[in-house]
Amino acid sequence: MTIVNVNINSIDKVKSFVNDLAKFDCDFDLVSGRYVVDAKSIMGIFSMDLSKPIQLNIHVDIAESEEVISALDKYIIK
């Protein structure tokens, strides 16, 4: 599992984020405090506080994680 912090603070970013995640056949979770939602669920994402960075858990092999990280680079907080 790979963990990164993402910033998806607008409606357009959320739509784009979910579309980018849908390209991959692995699981993604968004974690904010004690709340965990499926990152491929637009409704789940909108139930979270998007004004702050959110932790993204990527459930993928290490070999594939670089490809996923590069595709999500515009959302990742460095």
N, C-alpha and C. Protein backbone atom coordinates (compact mmCIF):
# COMPACT_ATOMS: atom_id res chain seq x y z
N MET A 1 0.85 -1.18 0.00
CA MET A 1 0.00 0.00 0.00
C MET A 1 0.89 1.24 0.00
N THR A 2 0.49 2.22 -0.78
CA THR A 2 1.17 3.51 -0.85
C THR A 2 0.23 4.57 -0.31
N ILE A 3 0.77 5.50 0.46
CA ILE A 3 -0.05 6.56 1.06
C ILE A 3 0.49 7.92 0.63
N VAL A 4 -0.41 8.78 0.11
CA VAL A 4 -0.06 10.14 -0.28
C VAL A 4 -1.18 11.07 0.18
N ASN A 5 -0.88 12.35 0.29
CA ASN A 5 -1.89 13.35 0.61
C ASN A 5 -2.29 14.06 -0.68
N VAL A 6 -3.60 14.25 -0.86
CA VAL A 6 -4.10 14.87 -2.08
C VAL A 6 -4.95 16.09 -1.74
N ASN A 7 -5.06 16.97 -2.72
CA ASN A 7 -5.88 18.17 -2.60
C ASN A 7 -6.90 18.15 -3.73
N ILE A 8 -8.15 17.92 -3.39
CA ILE A 8 -9.24 17.90 -4.38
C ILE A 8 -10.35 18.83 -3.87
N ASN A 9 -10.07 20.12 -3.90
CA ASN A 9 -10.92 21.10 -3.25
C ASN A 9 -11.94 21.79 -4.14
N SER A 10 -12.22 21.25 -5.32
CA SER A 10 -13.27 21.83 -6.17
C SER A 10 -14.04 20.71 -6.87
N ILE A 11 -15.21 21.05 -7.35
CA ILE A 11 -16.07 20.06 -8.02
C ILE A 11 -15.37 19.51 -9.26
N ASP A 12 -14.75 20.38 -10.03
CA ASP A 12 -14.06 19.92 -11.24
C ASP A 12 -12.89 19.00 -10.91
N LYS A 13 -12.16 19.31 -9.85
CA LYS A 13 -11.05 18.45 -9.44
C LYS A 13 -11.55 17.08 -9.01
N VAL A 14 -12.67 17.04 -8.30
CA VAL A 14 -13.23 15.76 -7.85
C VAL A 14 -13.62 14.91 -9.05
N LYS A 15 -14.30 15.50 -10.02
CA LYS A 15 -14.69 14.76 -11.23
C LYS A 15 -13.48 14.21 -11.96
N SER A 16 -12.49 15.05 -12.15
CA SER A 16 -11.27 14.66 -12.84
C SER A 16 -10.53 13.57 -12.06
N PHE A 17 -10.47 13.72 -10.74
CA PHE A 17 -9.80 12.77 -9.86
C PHE A 17 -10.44 11.39 -9.99
N VAL A 18 -11.75 11.32 -9.90
CA VAL A 18 -12.47 10.04 -9.99
C VAL A 18 -12.26 9.41 -11.37
N ASN A 19 -12.30 10.22 -12.43
CA ASN A 19 -12.07 9.69 -13.77
C ASN A 19 -10.66 9.14 -13.92
N ASP A 20 -9.67 9.81 -13.31
CA ASP A 20 -8.29 9.32 -13.37
C ASP A 20 -8.13 8.01 -12.59
N LEU A 21 -8.81 7.89 -11.46
CA LEU A 21 -8.73 6.66 -10.67
C LEU A 21 -9.41 5.49 -11.38
N ALA A 22 -10.46 5.76 -12.13
CA ALA A 22 -11.22 4.71 -12.80
C ALA A 22 -10.38 3.97 -13.85
N LYS A 23 -9.29 4.56 -14.27
CA LYS A 23 -8.41 3.94 -15.27
C LYS A 23 -7.61 2.78 -14.69
N PHE A 24 -7.56 2.69 -13.37
CA PHE A 24 -6.75 1.67 -12.72
C PHE A 24 -7.63 0.60 -12.08
N ASP A 25 -7.16 -0.66 -12.17
CA ASP A 25 -7.90 -1.78 -11.61
C ASP A 25 -7.32 -2.14 -10.23
N CYS A 26 -7.42 -1.18 -9.31
CA CYS A 26 -6.99 -1.42 -7.94
C CYS A 26 -7.88 -0.57 -7.03
N ASP A 27 -7.72 -0.76 -5.73
CA ASP A 27 -8.57 -0.06 -4.77
C ASP A 27 -7.88 1.19 -4.25
N PHE A 28 -8.68 2.22 -4.02
CA PHE A 28 -8.22 3.49 -3.48
C PHE A 28 -9.16 3.89 -2.34
N ASP A 29 -8.60 4.31 -1.22
CA ASP A 29 -9.40 4.80 -0.10
C ASP A 29 -8.98 6.22 0.23
N LEU A 30 -9.95 7.07 0.55
CA LEU A 30 -9.66 8.40 1.06
C LEU A 30 -9.93 8.39 2.56
N VAL A 31 -8.98 8.92 3.33
CA VAL A 31 -9.07 8.89 4.79
C VAL A 31 -8.99 10.31 5.32
N SER A 32 -9.97 10.69 6.12
CA SER A 32 -9.97 11.99 6.78
C SER A 32 -10.41 11.74 8.22
N GLY A 33 -9.46 11.81 9.15
CA GLY A 33 -9.77 11.49 10.54
C GLY A 33 -10.14 10.04 10.67
N ARG A 34 -11.33 9.78 11.17
CA ARG A 34 -11.77 8.39 11.31
C ARG A 34 -12.70 7.95 10.19
N TYR A 35 -12.90 8.80 9.20
CA TYR A 35 -13.76 8.48 8.07
C TYR A 35 -12.94 7.94 6.90
N VAL A 36 -13.43 6.85 6.32
CA VAL A 36 -12.78 6.23 5.16
C VAL A 36 -13.85 6.03 4.10
N VAL A 37 -13.58 6.51 2.87
CA VAL A 37 -14.53 6.31 1.77
C VAL A 37 -13.78 5.76 0.56
N ASP A 38 -14.52 5.11 -0.32
CA ASP A 38 -13.96 4.63 -1.58
C ASP A 38 -13.65 5.85 -2.44
N ALA A 39 -12.39 5.98 -2.87
CA ALA A 39 -11.97 7.16 -3.63
C ALA A 39 -12.55 7.18 -5.04
N LYS A 40 -13.14 6.09 -5.50
CA LYS A 40 -13.77 6.06 -6.82
C LYS A 40 -15.24 6.46 -6.75
N SER A 41 -15.71 6.83 -5.56
CA SER A 41 -17.11 7.21 -5.34
C SER A 41 -17.24 8.73 -5.21
N ILE A 42 -17.86 9.34 -6.19
CA ILE A 42 -18.05 10.80 -6.14
C ILE A 42 -18.89 11.19 -4.93
N MET A 43 -19.95 10.43 -4.67
CA MET A 43 -20.80 10.74 -3.52
C MET A 43 -20.02 10.60 -2.21
N GLY A 44 -19.18 9.59 -2.12
CA GLY A 44 -18.37 9.42 -0.92
C GLY A 44 -17.42 10.58 -0.71
N ILE A 45 -16.80 11.03 -1.79
CA ILE A 45 -15.85 12.14 -1.71
C ILE A 45 -16.56 13.42 -1.25
N PHE A 46 -17.74 13.68 -1.80
CA PHE A 46 -18.47 14.89 -1.42
C PHE A 46 -18.99 14.85 0.02
N SER A 47 -18.95 13.70 0.66
CA SER A 47 -19.35 13.62 2.06
C SER A 47 -18.21 14.02 2.99
N MET A 48 -17.02 14.27 2.43
CA MET A 48 -15.85 14.62 3.22
C MET A 48 -15.60 16.13 3.20
N ASP A 49 -14.78 16.60 4.13
CA ASP A 49 -14.37 18.00 4.18
C ASP A 49 -13.24 18.19 3.17
N LEU A 50 -13.54 18.80 2.04
CA LEU A 50 -12.56 18.94 0.95
C LEU A 50 -11.72 20.19 1.08
N SER A 51 -11.94 20.97 2.12
CA SER A 51 -11.15 22.20 2.29
C SER A 51 -9.74 21.90 2.81
N LYS A 52 -9.53 20.68 3.30
CA LYS A 52 -8.23 20.28 3.83
C LYS A 52 -7.67 19.15 2.98
N PRO A 53 -6.35 18.95 3.00
CA PRO A 53 -5.77 17.80 2.30
C PRO A 53 -6.32 16.49 2.88
N ILE A 54 -6.44 15.50 2.03
CA ILE A 54 -6.99 14.20 2.41
C ILE A 54 -5.96 13.13 2.09
N GLN A 55 -5.88 12.13 2.96
CA GLN A 55 -4.94 11.03 2.75
C GLN A 55 -5.53 10.03 1.75
N LEU A 56 -4.75 9.66 0.75
CA LEU A 56 -5.16 8.67 -0.24
C LEU A 56 -4.34 7.41 -0.03
N ASN A 57 -5.02 6.29 0.25
CA ASN A 57 -4.37 4.99 0.37
C ASN A 57 -4.55 4.26 -0.95
N ILE A 58 -3.43 3.89 -1.56
CA ILE A 58 -3.45 3.21 -2.85
C ILE A 58 -3.07 1.76 -2.62
N HIS A 59 -4.00 0.85 -2.86
CA HIS A 59 -3.77 -0.57 -2.64
C HIS A 59 -3.30 -1.21 -3.95
N VAL A 60 -1.98 -1.14 -4.16
CA VAL A 60 -1.40 -1.62 -5.41
C VAL A 60 0.01 -2.14 -5.12
N ASP A 61 0.51 -3.02 -5.98
CA ASP A 61 1.87 -3.51 -5.84
C ASP A 61 2.86 -2.37 -6.04
N ILE A 62 4.02 -2.52 -5.45
CA ILE A 62 5.07 -1.50 -5.57
C ILE A 62 5.42 -1.25 -7.04
N ALA A 63 5.44 -2.29 -7.84
CA ALA A 63 5.80 -2.15 -9.26
C ALA A 63 4.83 -1.22 -10.00
N GLU A 64 3.57 -1.28 -9.64
CA GLU A 64 2.56 -0.46 -10.31
C GLU A 64 2.38 0.91 -9.67
N SER A 65 2.88 1.10 -8.46
CA SER A 65 2.62 2.34 -7.73
C SER A 65 3.20 3.57 -8.43
N GLU A 66 4.33 3.43 -9.11
CA GLU A 66 4.92 4.57 -9.82
C GLU A 66 4.01 5.07 -10.93
N GLU A 67 3.38 4.15 -11.64
CA GLU A 67 2.46 4.53 -12.72
C GLU A 67 1.25 5.27 -12.15
N VAL A 68 0.71 4.78 -11.05
CA VAL A 68 -0.45 5.41 -10.41
C VAL A 68 -0.06 6.79 -9.88
N ILE A 69 1.07 6.87 -9.20
CA ILE A 69 1.53 8.15 -8.64
C ILE A 69 1.74 9.19 -9.74
N SER A 70 2.32 8.79 -10.84
CA SER A 70 2.56 9.75 -11.92
C SER A 70 1.25 10.23 -12.54
N ALA A 71 0.24 9.36 -12.62
CA ALA A 71 -1.05 9.75 -13.17
C ALA A 71 -1.81 10.69 -12.23
N LEU A 72 -1.53 10.61 -10.94
CA LEU A 72 -2.22 11.43 -9.95
C LEU A 72 -1.39 12.61 -9.47
N ASP A 73 -0.30 12.87 -10.13
CA ASP A 73 0.67 13.88 -9.70
C ASP A 73 0.05 15.26 -9.48
N LYS A 74 -0.92 15.64 -10.30
CA LYS A 74 -1.51 16.98 -10.18
C LYS A 74 -2.36 17.17 -8.93
N TYR A 75 -2.71 16.08 -8.25
CA TYR A 75 -3.51 16.15 -7.03
C TYR A 75 -2.65 16.00 -5.77
N ILE A 76 -1.47 15.43 -5.92
CA ILE A 76 -0.64 15.09 -4.76
C ILE A 76 0.05 16.32 -4.20
N ILE A 77 0.00 16.42 -2.88
CA ILE A 77 0.66 17.51 -2.17
C ILE A 77 2.08 17.05 -1.85
N LYS A 78 3.04 17.84 -2.25
CA LYS A 78 4.44 17.44 -2.05
C LYS A 78 5.07 18.19 -0.92
